[in-house]
Amino acid sequence: SEWNAFEDYLNDMTTKFRTKAKGVLKKSSPIEVRGLNLDEIIENSKRIEELYLNVLAKADFKFGELNAQAFINFKQNLKEKFILTGYFLNEKMVGFSSAFLCEGKGDANYVGLDYEFNKDYALYQRMLYDFVDLAIREKLSVLRLGRTSELLKSSIGAEPVPMKLYLRHRNSISNSLIGPLIASISPSEFELRPPFKKALS
């Protein structure tokens, strides 16, 4: 709650993690980051879908996939409560991130990446820091980052929380098969790396 700007967040980090964050920001500095309005989402919809499917293709576990129309619908219906941020290099979209805002909480959600640019420009890591920046600017009390890339998210200050999953299929036979499958899903083990000088309240 005492963070009023991204610099406040950086100042609360240990030297090691602050240096790492600044390194990511420097590496990604050629990237232009901009929030997209509805017209811009529509205009870039084909590329948004390509980038999203790139990420989905690498996922170990997925329930289904969206198309670009879903992002258009989110913006049309949720307006300023749905934020889609584009990442551009020489006017070419090389990534996007999206977030939902609701009652002082934020859900970092779908992302899309052109993996050709991810390593050289620390694109995904930049997105994570931008989510933190968004949370500070919007005065969010909670930022939820999802269950993937646990180590990276830990290094920006995220902490794991227990979650429940409810899934129901229309077909009763499928329901009986889904139970054991869901029960077998568990997060991978990783070392928590708190980046802050002191524990945050």
N, C-alpha and C. Protein backbone atom coordinates (compact mmCIF):
# COMPACT_ATOMS: atom_id res chain seq x y z
N SER A 1 0.82 -1.22 0.00
CA SER A 1 0.00 0.00 0.00
C SER A 1 0.85 1.27 0.00
N GLU A 2 2.11 1.16 0.44
CA GLU A 2 2.95 2.36 0.48
C GLU A 2 3.62 2.66 -0.87
N TRP A 3 3.47 1.77 -1.85
CA TRP A 3 4.04 2.03 -3.17
C TRP A 3 3.13 2.96 -3.96
N ASN A 4 3.67 4.09 -4.37
CA ASN A 4 2.91 5.02 -5.21
C ASN A 4 3.44 5.07 -6.64
N ALA A 5 4.61 4.49 -6.86
CA ALA A 5 5.22 4.46 -8.18
C ALA A 5 6.10 3.22 -8.28
N PHE A 6 6.42 2.81 -9.49
CA PHE A 6 7.24 1.63 -9.72
C PHE A 6 8.59 1.74 -9.03
N GLU A 7 9.12 2.97 -8.95
CA GLU A 7 10.40 3.19 -8.26
C GLU A 7 10.33 2.77 -6.80
N ASP A 8 9.20 2.97 -6.15
CA ASP A 8 9.04 2.56 -4.74
C ASP A 8 9.18 1.05 -4.62
N TYR A 9 8.59 0.33 -5.56
CA TYR A 9 8.69 -1.13 -5.61
C TYR A 9 10.16 -1.55 -5.78
N LEU A 10 10.84 -0.93 -6.73
CA LEU A 10 12.26 -1.25 -6.96
C LEU A 10 13.10 -0.95 -5.72
N ASN A 11 12.82 0.16 -5.04
CA ASN A 11 13.60 0.55 -3.87
C ASN A 11 13.43 -0.42 -2.70
N ASP A 12 12.34 -1.17 -2.67
CA ASP A 12 12.13 -2.16 -1.61
C ASP A 12 12.82 -3.49 -1.89
N MET A 13 13.42 -3.62 -3.07
CA MET A 13 14.10 -4.86 -3.45
C MET A 13 15.54 -4.88 -2.94
N THR A 14 16.06 -6.09 -2.78
CA THR A 14 17.49 -6.23 -2.49
C THR A 14 18.26 -5.78 -3.73
N THR A 15 19.52 -5.46 -3.55
CA THR A 15 20.35 -4.98 -4.66
C THR A 15 20.34 -5.97 -5.82
N LYS A 16 20.44 -7.25 -5.52
CA LYS A 16 20.50 -8.29 -6.55
C LYS A 16 19.26 -8.25 -7.44
N PHE A 17 18.09 -8.21 -6.82
CA PHE A 17 16.85 -8.26 -7.60
C PHE A 17 16.52 -6.92 -8.27
N ARG A 18 16.94 -5.84 -7.63
CA ARG A 18 16.76 -4.52 -8.26
C ARG A 18 17.63 -4.42 -9.51
N THR A 19 18.86 -4.92 -9.44
CA THR A 19 19.77 -4.93 -10.59
C THR A 19 19.19 -5.78 -11.71
N LYS A 20 18.62 -6.92 -11.34
CA LYS A 20 18.00 -7.81 -12.33
C LYS A 20 16.82 -7.10 -13.01
N ALA A 21 15.98 -6.44 -12.23
CA ALA A 21 14.82 -5.73 -12.79
C ALA A 21 15.28 -4.63 -13.75
N LYS A 22 16.28 -3.88 -13.33
CA LYS A 22 16.78 -2.79 -14.19
C LYS A 22 17.41 -3.34 -15.46
N GLY A 23 18.02 -4.51 -15.35
CA GLY A 23 18.58 -5.18 -16.52
C GLY A 23 17.51 -5.55 -17.53
N VAL A 24 16.38 -6.06 -17.02
CA VAL A 24 15.24 -6.41 -17.89
C VAL A 24 14.70 -5.16 -18.56
N LEU A 25 14.55 -4.08 -17.80
CA LEU A 25 14.02 -2.84 -18.36
C LEU A 25 14.96 -2.27 -19.43
N LYS A 26 16.27 -2.39 -19.19
CA LYS A 26 17.24 -1.90 -20.17
C LYS A 26 17.20 -2.75 -21.44
N LYS A 27 17.18 -4.06 -21.25
CA LYS A 27 17.17 -4.99 -22.39
C LYS A 27 15.93 -4.78 -23.25
N SER A 28 14.82 -4.48 -22.61
CA SER A 28 13.54 -4.34 -23.33
C SER A 28 13.28 -2.89 -23.77
N SER A 29 14.23 -1.99 -23.54
CA SER A 29 13.98 -0.57 -23.83
C SER A 29 13.68 -0.26 -25.30
N PRO A 30 14.17 -1.05 -26.28
CA PRO A 30 13.77 -0.76 -27.67
C PRO A 30 12.30 -1.08 -27.96
N ILE A 31 11.67 -1.83 -27.06
CA ILE A 31 10.27 -2.20 -27.25
C ILE A 31 9.37 -1.03 -26.87
N GLU A 32 8.41 -0.73 -27.75
CA GLU A 32 7.40 0.29 -27.42
C GLU A 32 6.21 -0.42 -26.78
N VAL A 33 5.83 0.04 -25.61
CA VAL A 33 4.72 -0.56 -24.86
C VAL A 33 3.55 0.40 -24.90
N ARG A 34 2.40 -0.09 -25.35
CA ARG A 34 1.24 0.79 -25.37
C ARG A 34 -0.06 0.03 -25.13
N GLY A 35 -0.94 0.66 -24.34
CA GLY A 35 -2.26 0.12 -24.11
C GLY A 35 -3.10 0.27 -25.37
N LEU A 36 -3.86 -0.77 -25.70
CA LEU A 36 -4.65 -0.75 -26.92
C LEU A 36 -6.13 -0.50 -26.61
N ASN A 37 -6.73 0.40 -27.36
CA ASN A 37 -8.17 0.61 -27.24
C ASN A 37 -8.89 -0.39 -28.14
N LEU A 38 -10.21 -0.33 -28.15
CA LEU A 38 -11.00 -1.31 -28.90
C LEU A 38 -10.63 -1.31 -30.38
N ASP A 39 -10.54 -0.13 -30.98
CA ASP A 39 -10.21 -0.06 -32.41
C ASP A 39 -8.84 -0.66 -32.70
N GLU A 40 -7.88 -0.44 -31.81
CA GLU A 40 -6.53 -0.97 -32.01
C GLU A 40 -6.49 -2.49 -31.81
N ILE A 41 -7.32 -3.00 -30.91
CA ILE A 41 -7.41 -4.45 -30.72
C ILE A 41 -7.98 -5.08 -31.99
N ILE A 42 -9.03 -4.46 -32.54
CA ILE A 42 -9.63 -4.96 -33.78
C ILE A 42 -8.60 -4.91 -34.92
N GLU A 43 -7.91 -3.80 -35.02
CA GLU A 43 -6.91 -3.60 -36.09
C GLU A 43 -5.78 -4.63 -36.00
N ASN A 44 -5.39 -5.01 -34.78
CA ASN A 44 -4.28 -5.96 -34.57
C ASN A 44 -4.76 -7.37 -34.26
N SER A 45 -6.04 -7.65 -34.47
CA SER A 45 -6.62 -8.92 -34.00
C SER A 45 -5.95 -10.16 -34.59
N LYS A 46 -5.59 -10.11 -35.87
CA LYS A 46 -4.94 -11.27 -36.49
C LYS A 46 -3.60 -11.57 -35.80
N ARG A 47 -2.82 -10.52 -35.57
CA ARG A 47 -1.52 -10.70 -34.92
C ARG A 47 -1.69 -11.13 -33.46
N ILE A 48 -2.68 -10.57 -32.77
CA ILE A 48 -2.96 -10.97 -31.38
C ILE A 48 -3.23 -12.47 -31.31
N GLU A 49 -4.05 -12.95 -32.24
CA GLU A 49 -4.37 -14.38 -32.25
C GLU A 49 -3.13 -15.22 -32.53
N GLU A 50 -2.29 -14.81 -33.48
CA GLU A 50 -1.04 -15.54 -33.77
C GLU A 50 -0.16 -15.64 -32.54
N LEU A 51 0.02 -14.51 -31.86
CA LEU A 51 0.91 -14.47 -30.69
C LEU A 51 0.35 -15.32 -29.55
N TYR A 52 -0.96 -15.26 -29.35
CA TYR A 52 -1.61 -16.07 -28.31
C TYR A 52 -1.43 -17.56 -28.60
N LEU A 53 -1.63 -17.96 -29.86
CA LEU A 53 -1.51 -19.37 -30.22
C LEU A 53 -0.07 -19.86 -30.09
N ASN A 54 0.92 -18.96 -30.29
CA ASN A 54 2.33 -19.32 -30.05
C ASN A 54 2.52 -19.80 -28.62
N VAL A 55 1.96 -19.06 -27.67
CA VAL A 55 2.10 -19.40 -26.25
C VAL A 55 1.32 -20.67 -25.94
N LEU A 56 0.11 -20.76 -26.47
CA LEU A 56 -0.73 -21.93 -26.21
C LEU A 56 -0.07 -23.21 -26.72
N ALA A 57 0.63 -23.11 -27.83
CA ALA A 57 1.28 -24.29 -28.42
C ALA A 57 2.35 -24.86 -27.49
N LYS A 58 2.91 -24.02 -26.61
CA LYS A 58 3.96 -24.47 -25.68
C LYS A 58 3.39 -24.95 -24.35
N ALA A 59 2.09 -24.77 -24.14
CA ALA A 59 1.49 -25.12 -22.85
C ALA A 59 1.41 -26.64 -22.68
N ASP A 60 1.75 -27.11 -21.49
CA ASP A 60 1.66 -28.55 -21.20
C ASP A 60 0.21 -28.98 -21.00
N PHE A 61 -0.62 -28.08 -20.53
CA PHE A 61 -1.99 -28.43 -20.17
C PHE A 61 -2.90 -27.28 -20.57
N LYS A 62 -3.95 -27.58 -21.32
CA LYS A 62 -4.88 -26.53 -21.73
C LYS A 62 -6.28 -27.11 -21.85
N PHE A 63 -7.27 -26.27 -21.57
CA PHE A 63 -8.67 -26.69 -21.64
C PHE A 63 -9.29 -26.34 -22.99
N GLY A 64 -8.71 -25.41 -23.69
CA GLY A 64 -9.27 -24.96 -24.96
C GLY A 64 -8.51 -23.74 -25.40
N GLU A 65 -8.97 -23.12 -26.46
CA GLU A 65 -8.28 -21.92 -26.94
C GLU A 65 -9.28 -20.85 -27.33
N LEU A 66 -8.81 -19.63 -27.25
CA LEU A 66 -9.60 -18.47 -27.65
C LEU A 66 -9.21 -18.06 -29.06
N ASN A 67 -10.05 -17.25 -29.69
CA ASN A 67 -9.63 -16.59 -30.91
C ASN A 67 -9.64 -15.09 -30.64
N ALA A 68 -9.23 -14.32 -31.62
CA ALA A 68 -9.09 -12.87 -31.42
C ALA A 68 -10.41 -12.21 -31.04
N GLN A 69 -11.52 -12.77 -31.49
CA GLN A 69 -12.82 -12.18 -31.19
C GLN A 69 -13.06 -12.13 -29.69
N ALA A 70 -12.50 -13.07 -28.95
CA ALA A 70 -12.66 -13.08 -27.49
C ALA A 70 -12.07 -11.81 -26.88
N PHE A 71 -10.90 -11.39 -27.34
CA PHE A 71 -10.26 -10.18 -26.81
C PHE A 71 -11.06 -8.93 -27.18
N ILE A 72 -11.61 -8.94 -28.39
CA ILE A 72 -12.48 -7.83 -28.81
C ILE A 72 -13.70 -7.77 -27.90
N ASN A 73 -14.31 -8.93 -27.64
CA ASN A 73 -15.50 -8.99 -26.78
C ASN A 73 -15.19 -8.54 -25.35
N PHE A 74 -14.03 -8.96 -24.83
CA PHE A 74 -13.64 -8.53 -23.49
C PHE A 74 -13.61 -7.00 -23.41
N LYS A 75 -12.98 -6.37 -24.40
CA LYS A 75 -12.84 -4.92 -24.39
C LYS A 75 -14.19 -4.23 -24.58
N GLN A 76 -15.02 -4.76 -25.48
CA GLN A 76 -16.34 -4.16 -25.72
C GLN A 76 -17.19 -4.20 -24.46
N ASN A 77 -17.14 -5.31 -23.76
CA ASN A 77 -18.03 -5.49 -22.61
C ASN A 77 -17.45 -4.97 -21.29
N LEU A 78 -16.15 -5.09 -21.10
CA LEU A 78 -15.55 -4.72 -19.82
C LEU A 78 -14.91 -3.33 -19.84
N LYS A 79 -14.74 -2.77 -21.03
CA LYS A 79 -14.19 -1.42 -21.22
C LYS A 79 -12.87 -1.24 -20.45
N GLU A 80 -12.79 -0.27 -19.52
CA GLU A 80 -11.53 0.00 -18.83
C GLU A 80 -11.17 -1.09 -17.82
N LYS A 81 -12.06 -2.05 -17.58
CA LYS A 81 -11.76 -3.15 -16.65
C LYS A 81 -10.98 -4.28 -17.34
N PHE A 82 -10.85 -4.18 -18.67
CA PHE A 82 -10.01 -5.13 -19.41
C PHE A 82 -8.91 -4.33 -20.08
N ILE A 83 -7.66 -4.70 -19.80
CA ILE A 83 -6.52 -3.96 -20.33
C ILE A 83 -5.71 -4.90 -21.21
N LEU A 84 -5.54 -4.50 -22.46
CA LEU A 84 -4.68 -5.26 -23.36
C LEU A 84 -3.53 -4.34 -23.76
N THR A 85 -2.32 -4.79 -23.48
CA THR A 85 -1.11 -4.02 -23.73
C THR A 85 -0.34 -4.66 -24.87
N GLY A 86 0.01 -3.85 -25.87
CA GLY A 86 0.79 -4.34 -26.99
C GLY A 86 2.26 -3.98 -26.83
N TYR A 87 3.12 -4.88 -27.30
CA TYR A 87 4.58 -4.68 -27.27
C TYR A 87 5.05 -4.68 -28.72
N PHE A 88 5.63 -3.55 -29.14
CA PHE A 88 5.97 -3.35 -30.54
C PHE A 88 7.46 -3.09 -30.71
N LEU A 89 8.02 -3.69 -31.76
CA LEU A 89 9.40 -3.43 -32.15
C LEU A 89 9.38 -3.01 -33.61
N ASN A 90 9.82 -1.78 -33.86
CA ASN A 90 9.77 -1.23 -35.22
C ASN A 90 8.37 -1.36 -35.82
N GLU A 91 7.38 -1.02 -35.02
CA GLU A 91 5.96 -1.01 -35.41
C GLU A 91 5.37 -2.40 -35.62
N LYS A 92 6.14 -3.45 -35.36
CA LYS A 92 5.60 -4.81 -35.45
C LYS A 92 5.26 -5.30 -34.05
N MET A 93 4.04 -5.81 -33.88
CA MET A 93 3.66 -6.34 -32.57
C MET A 93 4.40 -7.66 -32.34
N VAL A 94 5.19 -7.69 -31.25
CA VAL A 94 5.96 -8.89 -30.93
C VAL A 94 5.44 -9.57 -29.66
N GLY A 95 4.44 -8.95 -29.02
CA GLY A 95 3.85 -9.55 -27.84
C GLY A 95 2.67 -8.74 -27.36
N PHE A 96 1.88 -9.36 -26.50
CA PHE A 96 0.80 -8.63 -25.83
C PHE A 96 0.56 -9.28 -24.47
N SER A 97 0.00 -8.51 -23.58
CA SER A 97 -0.44 -9.04 -22.29
C SER A 97 -1.83 -8.50 -22.02
N SER A 98 -2.57 -9.20 -21.18
CA SER A 98 -3.91 -8.73 -20.85
C SER A 98 -4.18 -8.91 -19.36
N ALA A 99 -5.04 -8.07 -18.84
CA ALA A 99 -5.38 -8.12 -17.41
C ALA A 99 -6.83 -7.72 -17.22
N PHE A 100 -7.44 -8.31 -16.22
CA PHE A 100 -8.80 -7.98 -15.81
C PHE A 100 -8.73 -7.29 -14.45
N LEU A 101 -9.44 -6.18 -14.30
CA LEU A 101 -9.50 -5.46 -13.03
C LEU A 101 -10.90 -5.59 -12.46
N CYS A 102 -10.98 -5.95 -11.18
CA CYS A 102 -12.30 -6.11 -10.54
C CYS A 102 -12.19 -5.86 -9.04
N GLU A 103 -12.90 -4.85 -8.58
CA GLU A 103 -13.01 -4.56 -7.15
C GLU A 103 -11.64 -4.48 -6.46
N GLY A 104 -10.73 -3.72 -7.05
CA GLY A 104 -9.43 -3.51 -6.43
C GLY A 104 -8.47 -4.67 -6.56
N LYS A 105 -8.80 -5.65 -7.38
CA LYS A 105 -7.92 -6.79 -7.60
C LYS A 105 -7.65 -6.91 -9.09
N GLY A 106 -6.49 -7.45 -9.42
CA GLY A 106 -6.11 -7.61 -10.82
C GLY A 106 -5.75 -9.04 -11.13
N ASP A 107 -6.20 -9.50 -12.28
CA ASP A 107 -5.83 -10.82 -12.77
C ASP A 107 -5.04 -10.66 -14.06
N ALA A 108 -3.74 -10.91 -13.97
CA ALA A 108 -2.92 -10.95 -15.18
C ALA A 108 -3.32 -12.22 -15.90
N ASN A 109 -3.65 -12.10 -17.16
CA ASN A 109 -4.22 -13.27 -17.81
C ASN A 109 -3.49 -13.65 -19.08
N TYR A 110 -4.16 -13.61 -20.19
CA TYR A 110 -3.61 -14.12 -21.43
C TYR A 110 -2.44 -13.27 -21.92
N VAL A 111 -1.42 -13.95 -22.41
CA VAL A 111 -0.29 -13.27 -23.04
C VAL A 111 -0.04 -13.91 -24.39
N GLY A 112 0.65 -13.16 -25.24
CA GLY A 112 1.07 -13.68 -26.54
C GLY A 112 2.49 -13.23 -26.79
N LEU A 113 3.30 -14.11 -27.39
CA LEU A 113 4.71 -13.80 -27.60
C LEU A 113 5.18 -14.27 -28.97
N ASP A 114 6.06 -13.49 -29.56
CA ASP A 114 6.84 -13.95 -30.69
C ASP A 114 8.17 -14.39 -30.08
N TYR A 115 8.36 -15.69 -29.95
CA TYR A 115 9.51 -16.22 -29.22
C TYR A 115 10.84 -15.85 -29.85
N GLU A 116 10.82 -15.44 -31.10
CA GLU A 116 12.04 -15.00 -31.77
C GLU A 116 12.64 -13.77 -31.06
N PHE A 117 11.78 -12.98 -30.42
CA PHE A 117 12.23 -11.75 -29.76
C PHE A 117 12.27 -11.87 -28.24
N ASN A 118 11.79 -12.97 -27.70
CA ASN A 118 11.63 -13.08 -26.26
C ASN A 118 12.96 -13.01 -25.50
N LYS A 119 13.93 -13.76 -25.94
CA LYS A 119 15.21 -13.82 -25.20
C LYS A 119 16.00 -12.52 -25.33
N ASP A 120 16.15 -12.03 -26.55
CA ASP A 120 16.98 -10.84 -26.77
C ASP A 120 16.42 -9.60 -26.09
N TYR A 121 15.09 -9.53 -25.93
CA TYR A 121 14.47 -8.33 -25.37
C TYR A 121 13.80 -8.57 -24.01
N ALA A 122 14.02 -9.76 -23.43
CA ALA A 122 13.42 -10.10 -22.12
C ALA A 122 11.94 -9.73 -22.09
N LEU A 123 11.25 -10.12 -23.16
CA LEU A 123 9.87 -9.68 -23.38
C LEU A 123 8.91 -10.15 -22.29
N TYR A 124 8.94 -11.45 -21.99
CA TYR A 124 8.00 -11.96 -20.98
C TYR A 124 8.29 -11.38 -19.60
N GLN A 125 9.58 -11.28 -19.26
CA GLN A 125 9.93 -10.69 -17.96
C GLN A 125 9.47 -9.24 -17.89
N ARG A 126 9.60 -8.52 -18.99
CA ARG A 126 9.13 -7.12 -19.04
C ARG A 126 7.62 -7.07 -18.77
N MET A 127 6.89 -8.02 -19.34
CA MET A 127 5.45 -8.06 -19.11
C MET A 127 5.14 -8.22 -17.62
N LEU A 128 5.91 -9.07 -16.95
CA LEU A 128 5.67 -9.28 -15.51
C LEU A 128 5.89 -8.00 -14.72
N TYR A 129 6.98 -7.29 -15.02
CA TYR A 129 7.22 -6.01 -14.33
C TYR A 129 6.13 -4.98 -14.68
N ASP A 130 5.66 -5.03 -15.91
CA ASP A 130 4.58 -4.10 -16.31
C ASP A 130 3.28 -4.42 -15.58
N PHE A 131 3.04 -5.69 -15.29
CA PHE A 131 1.86 -6.05 -14.49
C PHE A 131 1.97 -5.43 -13.09
N VAL A 132 3.17 -5.50 -12.51
CA VAL A 132 3.39 -4.89 -11.19
C VAL A 132 3.15 -3.38 -11.27
N ASP A 133 3.70 -2.76 -12.30
CA ASP A 133 3.53 -1.31 -12.50
C ASP A 133 2.04 -0.96 -12.62
N LEU A 134 1.30 -1.76 -13.37
CA LEU A 134 -0.15 -1.55 -13.52
C LEU A 134 -0.84 -1.64 -12.16
N ALA A 135 -0.47 -2.66 -11.37
CA ALA A 135 -1.10 -2.85 -10.06
C ALA A 135 -0.84 -1.65 -9.15
N ILE A 136 0.36 -1.10 -9.22
CA ILE A 136 0.70 0.07 -8.39
C ILE A 136 -0.09 1.29 -8.85
N ARG A 137 -0.10 1.52 -10.16
CA ARG A 137 -0.82 2.69 -10.71
C ARG A 137 -2.32 2.62 -10.43
N GLU A 138 -2.89 1.41 -10.48
CA GLU A 138 -4.32 1.23 -10.26
C GLU A 138 -4.67 1.05 -8.77
N LYS A 139 -3.64 1.08 -7.91
CA LYS A 139 -3.82 0.91 -6.46
C LYS A 139 -4.54 -0.40 -6.13
N LEU A 140 -4.14 -1.48 -6.80
CA LEU A 140 -4.75 -2.78 -6.56
C LEU A 140 -4.23 -3.36 -5.24
N SER A 141 -5.09 -4.06 -4.54
CA SER A 141 -4.66 -4.70 -3.29
C SER A 141 -4.06 -6.08 -3.56
N VAL A 142 -4.42 -6.68 -4.69
CA VAL A 142 -3.96 -8.02 -5.05
C VAL A 142 -3.69 -8.06 -6.55
N LEU A 143 -2.60 -8.71 -6.92
CA LEU A 143 -2.31 -8.99 -8.32
C LEU A 143 -2.09 -10.49 -8.44
N ARG A 144 -2.94 -11.15 -9.21
CA ARG A 144 -2.82 -12.60 -9.41
C ARG A 144 -2.15 -12.85 -10.76
N LEU A 145 -1.09 -13.66 -10.74
CA LEU A 145 -0.27 -13.85 -11.93
C LEU A 145 -0.42 -15.22 -12.58
N GLY A 146 -1.22 -16.10 -12.06
CA GLY A 146 -1.38 -17.41 -12.68
C GLY A 146 -0.34 -18.40 -12.19
N ARG A 147 -0.41 -19.61 -12.72
CA ARG A 147 0.34 -20.72 -12.14
C ARG A 147 1.60 -21.11 -12.90
N THR A 148 1.89 -20.45 -14.03
CA THR A 148 3.07 -20.84 -14.81
C THR A 148 4.27 -19.97 -14.45
N SER A 149 5.45 -20.38 -14.89
CA SER A 149 6.70 -19.63 -14.68
C SER A 149 6.88 -19.21 -13.22
N GLU A 150 6.73 -20.18 -12.33
CA GLU A 150 6.74 -19.88 -10.90
C GLU A 150 8.02 -19.20 -10.44
N LEU A 151 9.16 -19.65 -10.95
CA LEU A 151 10.45 -19.10 -10.52
C LEU A 151 10.58 -17.63 -10.91
N LEU A 152 10.24 -17.31 -12.16
CA LEU A 152 10.29 -15.92 -12.61
C LEU A 152 9.36 -15.05 -11.79
N LYS A 153 8.15 -15.53 -11.55
CA LYS A 153 7.16 -14.75 -10.81
C LYS A 153 7.58 -14.58 -9.35
N SER A 154 8.22 -15.60 -8.81
CA SER A 154 8.74 -15.50 -7.45
C SER A 154 9.79 -14.39 -7.37
N SER A 155 10.61 -14.26 -8.42
CA SER A 155 11.69 -13.27 -8.38
C SER A 155 11.18 -11.83 -8.51
N ILE A 156 9.91 -11.64 -8.89
CA ILE A 156 9.35 -10.28 -8.91
C ILE A 156 8.52 -10.02 -7.64
N GLY A 157 8.41 -11.05 -6.77
CA GLY A 157 7.72 -10.84 -5.51
C GLY A 157 6.45 -11.65 -5.32
N ALA A 158 6.09 -12.44 -6.32
CA ALA A 158 4.86 -13.25 -6.20
C ALA A 158 5.07 -14.38 -5.21
N GLU A 159 4.00 -14.72 -4.52
CA GLU A 159 4.03 -15.84 -3.57
C GLU A 159 2.92 -16.81 -3.93
N PRO A 160 3.19 -18.12 -3.83
CA PRO A 160 2.15 -19.11 -4.17
C PRO A 160 1.02 -19.11 -3.14
N VAL A 161 -0.18 -19.31 -3.63
CA VAL A 161 -1.34 -19.45 -2.75
C VAL A 161 -2.12 -20.69 -3.17
N PRO A 162 -2.69 -21.42 -2.20
CA PRO A 162 -3.47 -22.61 -2.56
C PRO A 162 -4.69 -22.21 -3.39
N MET A 163 -5.03 -23.05 -4.35
CA MET A 163 -6.18 -22.77 -5.20
C MET A 163 -7.05 -24.00 -5.30
N LYS A 164 -8.32 -23.77 -5.59
CA LYS A 164 -9.25 -24.87 -5.85
C LYS A 164 -9.65 -24.80 -7.32
N LEU A 165 -9.87 -25.96 -7.90
CA LEU A 165 -10.31 -26.02 -9.29
C LEU A 165 -11.61 -26.79 -9.34
N TYR A 166 -12.60 -26.20 -9.98
CA TYR A 166 -13.88 -26.89 -10.17
C TYR A 166 -14.10 -27.06 -11.65
N LEU A 167 -14.37 -28.29 -12.05
CA LEU A 167 -14.58 -28.57 -13.46
C LEU A 167 -15.74 -29.55 -13.60
N ARG A 168 -16.64 -29.24 -14.50
CA ARG A 168 -17.77 -30.13 -14.72
C ARG A 168 -18.01 -30.25 -16.21
N HIS A 169 -18.08 -31.49 -16.68
CA HIS A 169 -18.35 -31.74 -18.10
C HIS A 169 -19.85 -32.02 -18.26
N ARG A 170 -20.38 -31.74 -19.43
CA ARG A 170 -21.81 -31.99 -19.68
C ARG A 170 -22.13 -33.49 -19.66
N ASN A 171 -21.13 -34.30 -20.02
CA ASN A 171 -21.33 -35.74 -20.11
C ASN A 171 -20.93 -36.40 -18.79
N SER A 172 -21.81 -37.20 -18.21
CA SER A 172 -21.55 -37.81 -16.90
C SER A 172 -20.38 -38.80 -16.94
N ILE A 173 -20.21 -39.50 -18.05
CA ILE A 173 -19.08 -40.44 -18.16
C ILE A 173 -17.76 -39.66 -18.17
N SER A 174 -17.74 -38.58 -18.95
CA SER A 174 -16.54 -37.73 -18.96
C SER A 174 -16.26 -37.17 -17.58
N ASN A 175 -17.32 -36.81 -16.83
CA ASN A 175 -17.14 -36.29 -15.47
C ASN A 175 -16.41 -37.29 -14.59
N SER A 176 -16.77 -38.57 -14.73
CA SER A 176 -16.13 -39.59 -13.87
C SER A 176 -14.65 -39.76 -14.23
N LEU A 177 -14.28 -39.47 -15.48
CA LEU A 177 -12.89 -39.58 -15.90
C LEU A 177 -12.08 -38.34 -15.54
N ILE A 178 -12.74 -37.20 -15.49
CA ILE A 178 -12.05 -35.94 -15.24
C ILE A 178 -11.51 -35.87 -13.81
N GLY A 179 -12.28 -36.40 -12.85
CA GLY A 179 -11.89 -36.33 -11.43
C GLY A 179 -10.46 -36.78 -11.16
N PRO A 180 -10.13 -38.04 -11.53
CA PRO A 180 -8.76 -38.51 -11.30
C PRO A 180 -7.71 -37.70 -12.05
N LEU A 181 -8.06 -37.24 -13.25
CA LEU A 181 -7.12 -36.44 -14.03
C LEU A 181 -6.79 -35.14 -13.31
N ILE A 182 -7.82 -34.45 -12.84
CA ILE A 182 -7.63 -33.17 -12.14
C ILE A 182 -6.86 -33.40 -10.83
N ALA A 183 -7.17 -34.48 -10.13
CA ALA A 183 -6.49 -34.78 -8.86
C ALA A 183 -4.99 -34.98 -9.06
N SER A 184 -4.61 -35.42 -10.26
CA SER A 184 -3.18 -35.68 -10.50
C SER A 184 -2.39 -34.42 -10.86
N ILE A 185 -3.09 -33.30 -11.08
CA ILE A 185 -2.40 -32.06 -11.45
C ILE A 185 -1.91 -31.36 -10.20
N SER A 186 -0.64 -31.07 -10.18
CA SER A 186 -0.10 -30.31 -9.06
C SER A 186 1.01 -29.40 -9.58
N PRO A 187 1.25 -28.29 -8.90
CA PRO A 187 2.30 -27.38 -9.35
C PRO A 187 3.67 -28.04 -9.26
N SER A 188 4.56 -27.63 -10.15
CA SER A 188 5.93 -28.15 -10.09
C SER A 188 6.65 -27.53 -8.90
N GLU A 189 7.64 -28.27 -8.40
CA GLU A 189 8.43 -27.78 -7.27
C GLU A 189 9.36 -26.65 -7.74
N PHE A 190 9.52 -25.64 -6.93
CA PHE A 190 10.46 -24.58 -7.25
C PHE A 190 10.89 -23.90 -5.96
N GLU A 191 12.04 -23.25 -6.03
CA GLU A 191 12.57 -22.54 -4.86
C GLU A 191 12.01 -21.12 -4.86
N LEU A 192 11.38 -20.74 -3.75
CA LEU A 192 10.84 -19.38 -3.62
C LEU A 192 12.00 -18.41 -3.44
N ARG A 193 12.02 -17.33 -4.23
CA ARG A 193 13.10 -16.36 -4.16
C ARG A 193 12.55 -14.97 -3.83
N PRO A 194 12.32 -14.70 -2.56
CA PRO A 194 11.78 -13.39 -2.20
C PRO A 194 12.77 -12.27 -2.56
N PRO A 195 12.34 -11.27 -3.33
CA PRO A 195 13.27 -10.24 -3.79
C PRO A 195 13.38 -9.02 -2.89
N PHE A 196 12.61 -9.00 -1.80
CA PHE A 196 12.51 -7.76 -1.01
C PHE A 196 13.46 -7.76 0.18
N LYS A 197 13.84 -6.57 0.59
CA LYS A 197 14.75 -6.41 1.75
C LYS A 197 14.12 -6.93 3.02
N LYS A 198 12.82 -6.73 3.14
CA LYS A 198 12.10 -7.22 4.33
C LYS A 198 10.76 -7.76 3.89
N ALA A 199 10.18 -8.60 4.75
CA ALA A 199 8.87 -9.16 4.43
C ALA A 199 7.85 -8.05 4.32
N LEU A 200 7.01 -8.13 3.29
CA LEU A 200 5.97 -7.11 3.11
C LEU A 200 4.72 -7.53 3.85
N SER A 201 3.99 -6.54 4.37
CA SER A 201 2.77 -6.87 5.09
C SER A 201 1.64 -7.05 4.10
